[in-house]
Amino acid sequence: PWKGYAEGPNPITGAYYVNCTDFSLWRL
């Protein structure tokens, strides 16, 4: 959902935008 965002804290997930952890949380 946040592709193209600048890297930084994602307040919804608690991970970082466009990082491996945020993407994997999305899949989970």
mmCIF file of all heavy atoms, coordinates in Angstrom:
data_MODEL
# 
_entry.id   MODEL 
# 
loop_
_atom_site.group_PDB 
_atom_site.id 
_atom_site.type_symbol 
_atom_site.label_atom_id 
_atom_site.label_alt_id 
_atom_site.label_comp_id 
_atom_site.label_asym_id 
_atom_site.label_entity_id 
_atom_site.label_seq_id 
_atom_site.pdbx_PDB_ins_code 
_atom_site.Cartn_x 
_atom_site.Cartn_y 
_atom_site.Cartn_z 
_atom_site.occupancy 
_atom_site.B_iso_or_equiv 
_atom_site.pdbx_formal_charge 
_atom_site.auth_seq_id 
_atom_site.auth_comp_id 
_atom_site.auth_asym_id 
_atom_site.auth_atom_id 
_atom_site.pdbx_PDB_model_num 
ATOM 1   N N   . PRO A 1 1  ? 0.788  -1.235  0.000  1.00 0.00 ? 1  PRO A N   1 
ATOM 2   C CA  . PRO A 1 1  ? 0.000  0.000   0.000  1.00 0.00 ? 1  PRO A CA  1 
ATOM 3   C C   . PRO A 1 1  ? 0.818  1.281   0.000  1.00 0.00 ? 1  PRO A C   1 
ATOM 4   O O   . PRO A 1 1  ? 0.302  2.338   -0.393 1.00 0.00 ? 1  PRO A O   1 
ATOM 5   C CB  . PRO A 1 1  ? -0.826 -0.109  1.288  1.00 0.00 ? 1  PRO A CB  1 
ATOM 6   C CG  . PRO A 1 1  ? -0.775 -1.542  1.685  1.00 0.00 ? 1  PRO A CG  1 
ATOM 7   C CD  . PRO A 1 1  ? 0.531  -2.064  1.192  1.00 0.00 ? 1  PRO A CD  1 
ATOM 8   N N   . TRP A 1 2  ? 2.081  1.225   0.431  1.00 0.00 ? 2  TRP A N   1 
ATOM 9   C CA  . TRP A 1 2  ? 2.861  2.450   0.581  1.00 0.00 ? 2  TRP A CA  1 
ATOM 10  C C   . TRP A 1 2  ? 4.069  2.483   -0.374 1.00 0.00 ? 2  TRP A C   1 
ATOM 11  O O   . TRP A 1 2  ? 5.070  3.125   -0.073 1.00 0.00 ? 2  TRP A O   1 
ATOM 12  C CB  . TRP A 1 2  ? 3.314  2.592   2.027  1.00 0.00 ? 2  TRP A CB  1 
ATOM 13  C CG  . TRP A 1 2  ? 2.168  2.645   2.990  1.00 0.00 ? 2  TRP A CG  1 
ATOM 14  C CD1 . TRP A 1 2  ? 1.348  3.706   3.235  1.00 0.00 ? 2  TRP A CD1 1 
ATOM 15  C CD2 . TRP A 1 2  ? 1.693  1.595   3.826  1.00 0.00 ? 2  TRP A CD2 1 
ATOM 16  N NE1 . TRP A 1 2  ? 0.397  3.395   4.162  1.00 0.00 ? 2  TRP A NE1 1 
ATOM 17  C CE2 . TRP A 1 2  ? 0.577  2.075   4.558  1.00 0.00 ? 2  TRP A CE2 1 
ATOM 18  C CE3 . TRP A 1 2  ? 2.082  0.272   4.048  1.00 0.00 ? 2  TRP A CE3 1 
ATOM 19  C CZ2 . TRP A 1 2  ? -0.132 1.322   5.470  1.00 0.00 ? 2  TRP A CZ2 1 
ATOM 20  C CZ3 . TRP A 1 2  ? 1.373  -0.506  4.949  1.00 0.00 ? 2  TRP A CZ3 1 
ATOM 21  C CH2 . TRP A 1 2  ? 0.283  0.023   5.657  1.00 0.00 ? 2  TRP A CH2 1 
ATOM 22  N N   . LYS A 1 3  ? 3.950  1.787   -1.497 1.00 0.00 ? 3  LYS A N   1 
ATOM 23  C CA  . LYS A 1 3  ? 5.060  1.812   -2.458 1.00 0.00 ? 3  LYS A CA  1 
ATOM 24  C C   . LYS A 1 3  ? 5.268  3.234   -2.973 1.00 0.00 ? 3  LYS A C   1 
ATOM 25  O O   . LYS A 1 3  ? 4.317  4.004   -3.165 1.00 0.00 ? 3  LYS A O   1 
ATOM 26  C CB  . LYS A 1 3  ? 4.800  0.854   -3.624 1.00 0.00 ? 3  LYS A CB  1 
ATOM 27  C CG  . LYS A 1 3  ? 3.547  1.112   -4.434 1.00 0.00 ? 3  LYS A CG  1 
ATOM 28  C CD  . LYS A 1 3  ? 3.395  0.025   -5.488 1.00 0.00 ? 3  LYS A CD  1 
ATOM 29  C CE  . LYS A 1 3  ? 2.095  0.140   -6.247 1.00 0.00 ? 3  LYS A CE  1 
ATOM 30  N NZ  . LYS A 1 3  ? 1.924  -0.968  -7.232 1.00 0.00 ? 3  LYS A NZ  1 
ATOM 31  N N   . GLY A 1 4  ? 6.536  3.572   -3.142 1.00 0.00 ? 4  GLY A N   1 
ATOM 32  C CA  . GLY A 1 4  ? 6.895  4.913   -3.588 1.00 0.00 ? 4  GLY A CA  1 
ATOM 33  C C   . GLY A 1 4  ? 7.096  5.902   -2.470 1.00 0.00 ? 4  GLY A C   1 
ATOM 34  O O   . GLY A 1 4  ? 7.542  7.026   -2.709 1.00 0.00 ? 4  GLY A O   1 
ATOM 35  N N   . TYR A 1 5  ? 6.740  5.509   -1.225 1.00 0.00 ? 5  TYR A N   1 
ATOM 36  C CA  . TYR A 1 5  ? 6.948  6.402   -0.082 1.00 0.00 ? 5  TYR A CA  1 
ATOM 37  C C   . TYR A 1 5  ? 8.435  6.562   0.200  1.00 0.00 ? 5  TYR A C   1 
ATOM 38  O O   . TYR A 1 5  ? 9.262  5.706   -0.145 1.00 0.00 ? 5  TYR A O   1 
ATOM 39  C CB  . TYR A 1 5  ? 6.278  5.838   1.168  1.00 0.00 ? 5  TYR A CB  1 
ATOM 40  C CG  . TYR A 1 5  ? 4.800  6.165   1.323  1.00 0.00 ? 5  TYR A CG  1 
ATOM 41  C CD1 . TYR A 1 5  ? 3.902  5.965   0.291  1.00 0.00 ? 5  TYR A CD1 1 
ATOM 42  C CD2 . TYR A 1 5  ? 4.301  6.647   2.528  1.00 0.00 ? 5  TYR A CD2 1 
ATOM 43  C CE1 . TYR A 1 5  ? 2.554  6.238   0.448  1.00 0.00 ? 5  TYR A CE1 1 
ATOM 44  C CE2 . TYR A 1 5  ? 2.952  6.929   2.696  1.00 0.00 ? 5  TYR A CE2 1 
ATOM 45  C CZ  . TYR A 1 5  ? 2.087  6.719   1.652  1.00 0.00 ? 5  TYR A CZ  1 
ATOM 46  O OH  . TYR A 1 5  ? 0.761  7.003   1.813  1.00 0.00 ? 5  TYR A OH  1 
ATOM 47  N N   . ALA A 1 6  ? 8.801  7.650   0.867  1.00 0.00 ? 6  ALA A N   1 
ATOM 48  C CA  . ALA A 1 6  ? 10.159 7.817   1.369  1.00 0.00 ? 6  ALA A CA  1 
ATOM 49  C C   . ALA A 1 6  ? 10.329 6.960   2.618  1.00 0.00 ? 6  ALA A C   1 
ATOM 50  O O   . ALA A 1 6  ? 9.382  6.753   3.383  1.00 0.00 ? 6  ALA A O   1 
ATOM 51  C CB  . ALA A 1 6  ? 10.431 9.283   1.685  1.00 0.00 ? 6  ALA A CB  1 
ATOM 52  N N   . GLU A 1 7  ? 11.504 6.447   2.811  1.00 0.00 ? 7  GLU A N   1 
ATOM 53  C CA  . GLU A 1 7  ? 11.774 5.639   3.995  1.00 0.00 ? 7  GLU A CA  1 
ATOM 54  C C   . GLU A 1 7  ? 11.561 6.453   5.261  1.00 0.00 ? 7  GLU A C   1 
ATOM 55  O O   . GLU A 1 7  ? 12.033 7.584   5.373  1.00 0.00 ? 7  GLU A O   1 
ATOM 56  C CB  . GLU A 1 7  ? 13.200 5.096   3.970  1.00 0.00 ? 7  GLU A CB  1 
ATOM 57  C CG  . GLU A 1 7  ? 13.516 4.163   5.126  1.00 0.00 ? 7  GLU A CG  1 
ATOM 58  C CD  . GLU A 1 7  ? 14.939 3.655   5.101  1.00 0.00 ? 7  GLU A CD  1 
ATOM 59  O OE1 . GLU A 1 7  ? 15.827 4.419   4.653  1.00 0.00 ? 7  GLU A OE1 1 
ATOM 60  O OE2 . GLU A 1 7  ? 15.174 2.509   5.519  1.00 0.00 ? 7  GLU A OE2 1 
ATOM 61  N N   . GLY A 1 8  ? 10.839 5.910   6.193  1.00 0.00 ? 8  GLY A N   1 
ATOM 62  C CA  . GLY A 1 8  ? 10.574 6.567   7.456  1.00 0.00 ? 8  GLY A CA  1 
ATOM 63  C C   . GLY A 1 8  ? 9.570  5.756   8.252  1.00 0.00 ? 8  GLY A C   1 
ATOM 64  O O   . GLY A 1 8  ? 8.997  4.778   7.751  1.00 0.00 ? 8  GLY A O   1 
ATOM 65  N N   . PRO A 1 9  ? 9.336  6.104   9.530  1.00 0.00 ? 9  PRO A N   1 
ATOM 66  C CA  . PRO A 1 9  ? 8.431  5.326   10.377 1.00 0.00 ? 9  PRO A CA  1 
ATOM 67  C C   . PRO A 1 9  ? 7.005  5.295   9.822  1.00 0.00 ? 9  PRO A C   1 
ATOM 68  O O   . PRO A 1 9  ? 6.462  6.335   9.447  1.00 0.00 ? 9  PRO A O   1 
ATOM 69  C CB  . PRO A 1 9  ? 8.488  6.063   11.724 1.00 0.00 ? 9  PRO A CB  1 
ATOM 70  C CG  . PRO A 1 9  ? 9.757  6.843   11.692 1.00 0.00 ? 9  PRO A CG  1 
ATOM 71  C CD  . PRO A 1 9  ? 9.965  7.227   10.266 1.00 0.00 ? 9  PRO A CD  1 
ATOM 72  N N   . ASN A 1 10 ? 6.428  4.116   9.790  1.00 0.00 ? 10 ASN A N   1 
ATOM 73  C CA  . ASN A 1 10 ? 5.030  3.946   9.408  1.00 0.00 ? 10 ASN A CA  1 
ATOM 74  C C   . ASN A 1 10 ? 4.205  3.947   10.685 1.00 0.00 ? 10 ASN A C   1 
ATOM 75  O O   . ASN A 1 10 ? 4.265  2.997   11.466 1.00 0.00 ? 10 ASN A O   1 
ATOM 76  C CB  . ASN A 1 10 ? 4.842  2.635   8.641  1.00 0.00 ? 10 ASN A CB  1 
ATOM 77  C CG  . ASN A 1 10 ? 3.424  2.449   8.126  1.00 0.00 ? 10 ASN A CG  1 
ATOM 78  O OD1 . ASN A 1 10 ? 2.476  3.056   8.618  1.00 0.00 ? 10 ASN A OD1 1 
ATOM 79  N ND2 . ASN A 1 10 ? 3.278  1.600   7.103  1.00 0.00 ? 10 ASN A ND2 1 
ATOM 80  N N   . PRO A 1 11 ? 3.414  4.984   10.951 1.00 0.00 ? 11 PRO A N   1 
ATOM 81  C CA  . PRO A 1 11 ? 2.695  5.065   12.228 1.00 0.00 ? 11 PRO A CA  1 
ATOM 82  C C   . PRO A 1 11 ? 1.611  4.005   12.374 1.00 0.00 ? 11 PRO A C   1 
ATOM 83  O O   . PRO A 1 11 ? 1.156  3.747   13.490 1.00 0.00 ? 11 PRO A O   1 
ATOM 84  C CB  . PRO A 1 11 ? 2.083  6.481   12.188 1.00 0.00 ? 11 PRO A CB  1 
ATOM 85  C CG  . PRO A 1 11 ? 1.969  6.809   10.727 1.00 0.00 ? 11 PRO A CG  1 
ATOM 86  C CD  . PRO A 1 11 ? 3.137  6.150   10.074 1.00 0.00 ? 11 PRO A CD  1 
ATOM 87  N N   . ILE A 1 12 ? 1.200  3.390   11.278 1.00 0.00 ? 12 ILE A N   1 
ATOM 88  C CA  . ILE A 1 12 ? 0.144  2.379   11.330 1.00 0.00 ? 12 ILE A CA  1 
ATOM 89  C C   . ILE A 1 12 ? 0.708  1.025   11.757 1.00 0.00 ? 12 ILE A C   1 
ATOM 90  O O   . ILE A 1 12 ? 0.134  0.340   12.610 1.00 0.00 ? 12 ILE A O   1 
ATOM 91  C CB  . ILE A 1 12 ? -0.560 2.264   9.969  1.00 0.00 ? 12 ILE A CB  1 
ATOM 92  C CG1 . ILE A 1 12 ? -1.236 3.586   9.619  1.00 0.00 ? 12 ILE A CG1 1 
ATOM 93  C CG2 . ILE A 1 12 ? -1.591 1.129   9.981  1.00 0.00 ? 12 ILE A CG2 1 
ATOM 94  C CD1 . ILE A 1 12 ? -1.802 3.630   8.216  1.00 0.00 ? 12 ILE A CD1 1 
ATOM 95  N N   . THR A 1 13 ? 1.841  0.650   11.199 1.00 0.00 ? 13 THR A N   1 
ATOM 96  C CA  . THR A 1 13 ? 2.407  -0.677  11.465 1.00 0.00 ? 13 THR A CA  1 
ATOM 97  C C   . THR A 1 13 ? 3.511  -0.671  12.515 1.00 0.00 ? 13 THR A C   1 
ATOM 98  O O   . THR A 1 13 ? 3.825  -1.720  13.090 1.00 0.00 ? 13 THR A O   1 
ATOM 99  C CB  . THR A 1 13 ? 2.981  -1.284  10.179 1.00 0.00 ? 13 THR A CB  1 
ATOM 100 O OG1 . THR A 1 13 ? 4.101  -0.487  9.747  1.00 0.00 ? 13 THR A OG1 1 
ATOM 101 C CG2 . THR A 1 13 ? 1.927  -1.330  9.081  1.00 0.00 ? 13 THR A CG2 1 
ATOM 102 N N   . GLY A 1 14 ? 4.133  0.470   12.724 1.00 0.00 ? 14 GLY A N   1 
ATOM 103 C CA  . GLY A 1 14 ? 5.258  0.525   13.651 1.00 0.00 ? 14 GLY A CA  1 
ATOM 104 C C   . GLY A 1 14 ? 6.568  0.104   13.032 1.00 0.00 ? 14 GLY A C   1 
ATOM 105 O O   . GLY A 1 14 ? 7.605  0.097   13.705 1.00 0.00 ? 14 GLY A O   1 
ATOM 106 N N   . ALA A 1 15 ? 6.546  -0.276  11.746 1.00 0.00 ? 15 ALA A N   1 
ATOM 107 C CA  . ALA A 1 15 ? 7.774  -0.590  11.021 1.00 0.00 ? 15 ALA A CA  1 
ATOM 108 C C   . ALA A 1 15 ? 8.160  0.625   10.176 1.00 0.00 ? 15 ALA A C   1 
ATOM 109 O O   . ALA A 1 15 ? 7.678  1.736   10.418 1.00 0.00 ? 15 ALA A O   1 
ATOM 110 C CB  . ALA A 1 15 ? 7.566  -1.836  10.164 1.00 0.00 ? 15 ALA A CB  1 
ATOM 111 N N   . TYR A 1 16 ? 9.031  0.433   9.188  1.00 0.00 ? 16 TYR A N   1 
ATOM 112 C CA  . TYR A 1 16 ? 9.466  1.536   8.334  1.00 0.00 ? 16 TYR A CA  1 
ATOM 113 C C   . TYR A 1 16 ? 8.930  1.348   6.924  1.00 0.00 ? 16 TYR A C   1 
ATOM 114 O O   . TYR A 1 16 ? 9.000  0.265   6.362  1.00 0.00 ? 16 TYR A O   1 
ATOM 115 C CB  . TYR A 1 16 ? 11.001 1.616   8.305  1.00 0.00 ? 16 TYR A CB  1 
ATOM 116 C CG  . TYR A 1 16 ? 11.583 2.459   9.408  1.00 0.00 ? 16 TYR A CG  1 
ATOM 117 C CD1 . TYR A 1 16 ? 11.437 2.096   10.736 1.00 0.00 ? 16 TYR A CD1 1 
ATOM 118 C CD2 . TYR A 1 16 ? 12.271 3.642   9.135  1.00 0.00 ? 16 TYR A CD2 1 
ATOM 119 C CE1 . TYR A 1 16 ? 11.960 2.868   11.751 1.00 0.00 ? 16 TYR A CE1 1 
ATOM 120 C CE2 . TYR A 1 16 ? 12.790 4.436   10.143 1.00 0.00 ? 16 TYR A CE2 1 
ATOM 121 C CZ  . TYR A 1 16 ? 12.634 4.043   11.445 1.00 0.00 ? 16 TYR A CZ  1 
ATOM 122 O OH  . TYR A 1 16 ? 13.149 4.830   12.459 1.00 0.00 ? 16 TYR A OH  1 
ATOM 123 N N   . TYR A 1 17 ? 8.412  2.449   6.360  1.00 0.00 ? 17 TYR A N   1 
ATOM 124 C CA  . TYR A 1 17 ? 7.961  2.407   4.977  1.00 0.00 ? 17 TYR A CA  1 
ATOM 125 C C   . TYR A 1 17 ? 9.037  1.828   4.056  1.00 0.00 ? 17 TYR A C   1 
ATOM 126 O O   . TYR A 1 17 ? 10.241 2.045   4.279  1.00 0.00 ? 17 TYR A O   1 
ATOM 127 C CB  . TYR A 1 17 ? 7.625  3.819   4.474  1.00 0.00 ? 17 TYR A CB  1 
ATOM 128 C CG  . TYR A 1 17 ? 6.414  4.483   5.090  1.00 0.00 ? 17 TYR A CG  1 
ATOM 129 C CD1 . TYR A 1 17 ? 6.507  5.740   5.675  1.00 0.00 ? 17 TYR A CD1 1 
ATOM 130 C CD2 . TYR A 1 17 ? 5.162  3.875   5.040  1.00 0.00 ? 17 TYR A CD2 1 
ATOM 131 C CE1 . TYR A 1 17 ? 5.401  6.373   6.212  1.00 0.00 ? 17 TYR A CE1 1 
ATOM 132 C CE2 . TYR A 1 17 ? 4.037  4.505   5.582  1.00 0.00 ? 17 TYR A CE2 1 
ATOM 133 C CZ  . TYR A 1 17 ? 4.168  5.742   6.168  1.00 0.00 ? 17 TYR A CZ  1 
ATOM 134 O OH  . TYR A 1 17 ? 3.059  6.369   6.703  1.00 0.00 ? 17 TYR A OH  1 
ATOM 135 N N   . VAL A 1 18 ? 8.603  1.106   3.026  1.00 0.00 ? 18 VAL A N   1 
ATOM 136 C CA  . VAL A 1 18 ? 9.421  0.552   1.949  1.00 0.00 ? 18 VAL A CA  1 
ATOM 137 C C   . VAL A 1 18 ? 10.613 -0.253  2.471  1.00 0.00 ? 18 VAL A C   1 
ATOM 138 O O   . VAL A 1 18 ? 11.682 -0.265  1.865  1.00 0.00 ? 18 VAL A O   1 
ATOM 139 C CB  . VAL A 1 18 ? 9.876  1.643   0.944  1.00 0.00 ? 18 VAL A CB  1 
ATOM 140 C CG1 . VAL A 1 18 ? 8.685  2.229   0.206  1.00 0.00 ? 18 VAL A CG1 1 
ATOM 141 C CG2 . VAL A 1 18 ? 10.676 2.759   1.608  1.00 0.00 ? 18 VAL A CG2 1 
ATOM 142 N N   . ASN A 1 19 ? 10.420 -0.912  3.608  1.00 0.00 ? 19 ASN A N   1 
ATOM 143 C CA  . ASN A 1 19 ? 11.406 -1.822  4.150  1.00 0.00 ? 19 ASN A CA  1 
ATOM 144 C C   . ASN A 1 19 ? 10.843 -3.240  4.177  1.00 0.00 ? 19 ASN A C   1 
ATOM 145 O O   . ASN A 1 19 ? 9.634  -3.457  4.095  1.00 0.00 ? 19 ASN A O   1 
ATOM 146 C CB  . ASN A 1 19 ? 11.850 -1.402  5.545  1.00 0.00 ? 19 ASN A CB  1 
ATOM 147 C CG  . ASN A 1 19 ? 13.045 -0.466  5.525  1.00 0.00 ? 19 ASN A CG  1 
ATOM 148 O OD1 . ASN A 1 19 ? 14.155 -0.877  5.793  1.00 0.00 ? 19 ASN A OD1 1 
ATOM 149 N ND2 . ASN A 1 19 ? 12.807 0.799   5.228  1.00 0.00 ? 19 ASN A ND2 1 
ATOM 150 N N   . CYS A 1 20 ? 11.731 -4.211  4.350  1.00 0.00 ? 20 CYS A N   1 
ATOM 151 C CA  . CYS A 1 20 ? 11.329 -5.615  4.308  1.00 0.00 ? 20 CYS A CA  1 
ATOM 152 C C   . CYS A 1 20 ? 10.302 -5.951  5.382  1.00 0.00 ? 20 CYS A C   1 
ATOM 153 O O   . CYS A 1 20 ? 9.377  -6.738  5.145  1.00 0.00 ? 20 CYS A O   1 
ATOM 154 C CB  . CYS A 1 20 ? 12.548 -6.523  4.430  1.00 0.00 ? 20 CYS A CB  1 
ATOM 155 S SG  . CYS A 1 20 ? 13.456 -6.421  6.002  1.00 0.00 ? 20 CYS A SG  1 
ATOM 156 N N   . THR A 1 21 ? 10.453 -5.363  6.576  1.00 0.00 ? 21 THR A N   1 
ATOM 157 C CA  . THR A 1 21 ? 9.548  -5.685  7.681  1.00 0.00 ? 21 THR A CA  1 
ATOM 158 C C   . THR A 1 21 ? 8.144  -5.164  7.421  1.00 0.00 ? 21 THR A C   1 
ATOM 159 O O   . THR A 1 21 ? 7.156  -5.849  7.710  1.00 0.00 ? 21 THR A O   1 
ATOM 160 C CB  . THR A 1 21 ? 10.094 -5.109  8.986  1.00 0.00 ? 21 THR A CB  1 
ATOM 161 O OG1 . THR A 1 21 ? 10.439 -3.721  8.800  1.00 0.00 ? 21 THR A OG1 1 
ATOM 162 C CG2 . THR A 1 21 ? 11.340 -5.856  9.431  1.00 0.00 ? 21 THR A CG2 1 
ATOM 163 N N   . ASP A 1 22 ? 8.038  -3.974  6.861  1.00 0.00 ? 22 ASP A N   1 
ATOM 164 C CA  . ASP A 1 22 ? 6.722  -3.402  6.600  1.00 0.00 ? 22 ASP A CA  1 
ATOM 165 C C   . ASP A 1 22 ? 5.987  -4.188  5.517  1.00 0.00 ? 22 ASP A C   1 
ATOM 166 O O   . ASP A 1 22 ? 4.788  -4.446  5.625  1.00 0.00 ? 22 ASP A O   1 
ATOM 167 C CB  . ASP A 1 22 ? 6.858  -1.933  6.197  1.00 0.00 ? 22 ASP A CB  1 
ATOM 168 C CG  . ASP A 1 22 ? 5.644  -1.098  6.608  1.00 0.00 ? 22 ASP A CG  1 
ATOM 169 O OD1 . ASP A 1 22 ? 5.167  -1.273  7.749  1.00 0.00 ? 22 ASP A OD1 1 
ATOM 170 O OD2 . ASP A 1 22 ? 5.196  -0.260  5.801  1.00 0.00 ? 22 ASP A OD2 1 
ATOM 171 N N   . PHE A 1 23 ? 6.709  -4.574  4.462  1.00 0.00 ? 23 PHE A N   1 
ATOM 172 C CA  . PHE A 1 23 ? 6.097  -5.376  3.410  1.00 0.00 ? 23 PHE A CA  1 
ATOM 173 C C   . PHE A 1 23 ? 5.652  -6.736  3.943  1.00 0.00 ? 23 PHE A C   1 
ATOM 174 O O   . PHE A 1 23 ? 4.549  -7.211  3.638  1.00 0.00 ? 23 PHE A O   1 
ATOM 175 C CB  . PHE A 1 23 ? 7.073  -5.556  2.250  1.00 0.00 ? 23 PHE A CB  1 
ATOM 176 C CG  . PHE A 1 23 ? 6.576  -6.503  1.195  1.00 0.00 ? 23 PHE A CG  1 
ATOM 177 C CD1 . PHE A 1 23 ? 5.582  -6.124  0.308  1.00 0.00 ? 23 PHE A CD1 1 
ATOM 178 C CD2 . PHE A 1 23 ? 7.101  -7.785  1.092  1.00 0.00 ? 23 PHE A CD2 1 
ATOM 179 C CE1 . PHE A 1 23 ? 5.110  -7.002  -0.664 1.00 0.00 ? 23 PHE A CE1 1 
ATOM 180 C CE2 . PHE A 1 23 ? 6.645  -8.666  0.125  1.00 0.00 ? 23 PHE A CE2 1 
ATOM 181 C CZ  . PHE A 1 23 ? 5.646  -8.276  -0.761 1.00 0.00 ? 23 PHE A CZ  1 
ATOM 182 N N   . SER A 1 24 ? 6.472  -7.382  4.747  1.00 0.00 ? 24 SER A N   1 
ATOM 183 C CA  . SER A 1 24 ? 6.132  -8.702  5.285  1.00 0.00 ? 24 SER A CA  1 
ATOM 184 C C   . SER A 1 24 ? 4.943  -8.616  6.247  1.00 0.00 ? 24 SER A C   1 
ATOM 185 O O   . SER A 1 24 ? 4.113  -9.528  6.301  1.00 0.00 ? 24 SER A O   1 
ATOM 186 C CB  . SER A 1 24 ? 7.349  -9.321  5.971  1.00 0.00 ? 24 SER A CB  1 
ATOM 187 O OG  . SER A 1 24 ? 8.386  -9.557  5.016  1.00 0.00 ? 24 SER A OG  1 
ATOM 188 N N   . LEU A 1 25 ? 4.855  -7.521  7.004  1.00 0.00 ? 25 LEU A N   1 
ATOM 189 C CA  . LEU A 1 25 ? 3.681  -7.312  7.853  1.00 0.00 ? 25 LEU A CA  1 
ATOM 190 C C   . LEU A 1 25 ? 2.413  -7.199  7.004  1.00 0.00 ? 25 LEU A C   1 
ATOM 191 O O   . LEU A 1 25 ? 1.352  -7.713  7.378  1.00 0.00 ? 25 LEU A O   1 
ATOM 192 C CB  . LEU A 1 25 ? 3.861  -6.055  8.708  1.00 0.00 ? 25 LEU A CB  1 
ATOM 193 C CG  . LEU A 1 25 ? 4.503  -6.229  10.084 1.00 0.00 ? 25 LEU A CG  1 
ATOM 194 C CD1 . LEU A 1 25 ? 4.852  -4.883  10.689 1.00 0.00 ? 25 LEU A CD1 1 
ATOM 195 C CD2 . LEU A 1 25 ? 3.578  -7.005  11.019 1.00 0.00 ? 25 LEU A CD2 1 
ATOM 196 N N   . TRP A 1 26 ? 2.521  -6.527  5.857  1.00 0.00 ? 26 TRP A N   1 
ATOM 197 C CA  . TRP A 1 26 ? 1.397  -6.408  4.952  1.00 0.00 ? 26 TRP A CA  1 
ATOM 198 C C   . TRP A 1 26 ? 0.935  -7.794  4.480  1.00 0.00 ? 26 TRP A C   1 
ATOM 199 O O   . TRP A 1 26 ? -0.239 -8.104  4.507  1.00 0.00 ? 26 TRP A O   1 
ATOM 200 C CB  . TRP A 1 26 ? 1.765  -5.514  3.778  1.00 0.00 ? 26 TRP A CB  1 
ATOM 201 C CG  . TRP A 1 26 ? 0.824  -5.524  2.599  1.00 0.00 ? 26 TRP A CG  1 
ATOM 202 C CD1 . TRP A 1 26 ? 1.119  -5.839  1.310  1.00 0.00 ? 26 TRP A CD1 1 
ATOM 203 C CD2 . TRP A 1 26 ? -0.561 -5.174  2.604  1.00 0.00 ? 26 TRP A CD2 1 
ATOM 204 N NE1 . TRP A 1 26 ? 0.016  -5.730  0.498  1.00 0.00 ? 26 TRP A NE1 1 
ATOM 205 C CE2 . TRP A 1 26 ? -1.054 -5.318  1.273  1.00 0.00 ? 26 TRP A CE2 1 
ATOM 206 C CE3 . TRP A 1 26 ? -1.457 -4.762  3.597  1.00 0.00 ? 26 TRP A CE3 1 
ATOM 207 C CZ2 . TRP A 1 26 ? -2.360 -5.066  0.918  1.00 0.00 ? 26 TRP A CZ2 1 
ATOM 208 C CZ3 . TRP A 1 26 ? -2.781 -4.496  3.236  1.00 0.00 ? 26 TRP A CZ3 1 
ATOM 209 C CH2 . TRP A 1 26 ? -3.224 -4.658  1.919  1.00 0.00 ? 26 TRP A CH2 1 
ATOM 210 N N   . ARG A 1 27 ? 1.882  -8.638  4.076  1.00 0.00 ? 27 ARG A N   1 
ATOM 211 C CA  . ARG A 1 27 ? 1.545  -9.987  3.644  1.00 0.00 ? 27 ARG A CA  1 
ATOM 212 C C   . ARG A 1 27 ? 0.947  -10.815 4.794  1.00 0.00 ? 27 ARG A C   1 
ATOM 213 O O   . ARG A 1 27 ? 0.014  -11.589 4.587  1.00 0.00 ? 27 ARG A O   1 
ATOM 214 C CB  . ARG A 1 27 ? 2.782  -10.689 3.093  1.00 0.00 ? 27 ARG A CB  1 
ATOM 215 C CG  . ARG A 1 27 ? 3.148  -10.263 1.685  1.00 0.00 ? 27 ARG A CG  1 
ATOM 216 C CD  . ARG A 1 27 ? 2.211  -10.875 0.654  1.00 0.00 ? 27 ARG A CD  1 
ATOM 217 N NE  . ARG A 1 27 ? 2.651  -10.589 -0.713 1.00 0.00 ? 27 ARG A NE  1 
ATOM 218 C CZ  . ARG A 1 27 ? 2.128  -9.626  -1.465 1.00 0.00 ? 27 ARG A CZ  1 
ATOM 219 N NH1 . ARG A 1 27 ? 1.154  -8.853  -0.996 1.00 0.00 ? 27 ARG A NH1 1 
ATOM 220 N NH2 . ARG A 1 27 ? 2.582  -9.444  -2.694 1.00 0.00 ? 27 ARG A NH2 1 
ATOM 221 N N   . LEU A 1 28 ? 1.478  -10.668 5.973  1.00 0.00 ? 28 LEU A N   1 
ATOM 222 C CA  . LEU A 1 28 ? 0.940  -11.371 7.136  1.00 0.00 ? 28 LEU A CA  1 
ATOM 223 C C   . LEU A 1 28 ? -0.502 -10.965 7.369  1.00 0.00 ? 28 LEU A C   1 
ATOM 224 O O   . LEU A 1 28 ? -1.385 -11.820 7.542  1.00 0.00 ? 28 LEU A O   1 
ATOM 225 C CB  . LEU A 1 28 ? 1.796  -11.077 8.372  1.00 0.00 ? 28 LEU A CB  1 
ATOM 226 C CG  . LEU A 1 28 ? 1.208  -11.455 9.742  1.00 0.00 ? 28 LEU A CG  1 
ATOM 227 C CD1 . LEU A 1 28 ? 0.941  -12.950 9.824  1.00 0.00 ? 28 LEU A CD1 1 
ATOM 228 C CD2 . LEU A 1 28 ? 2.155  -11.016 10.868 1.00 0.00 ? 28 LEU A CD2 1 
# 
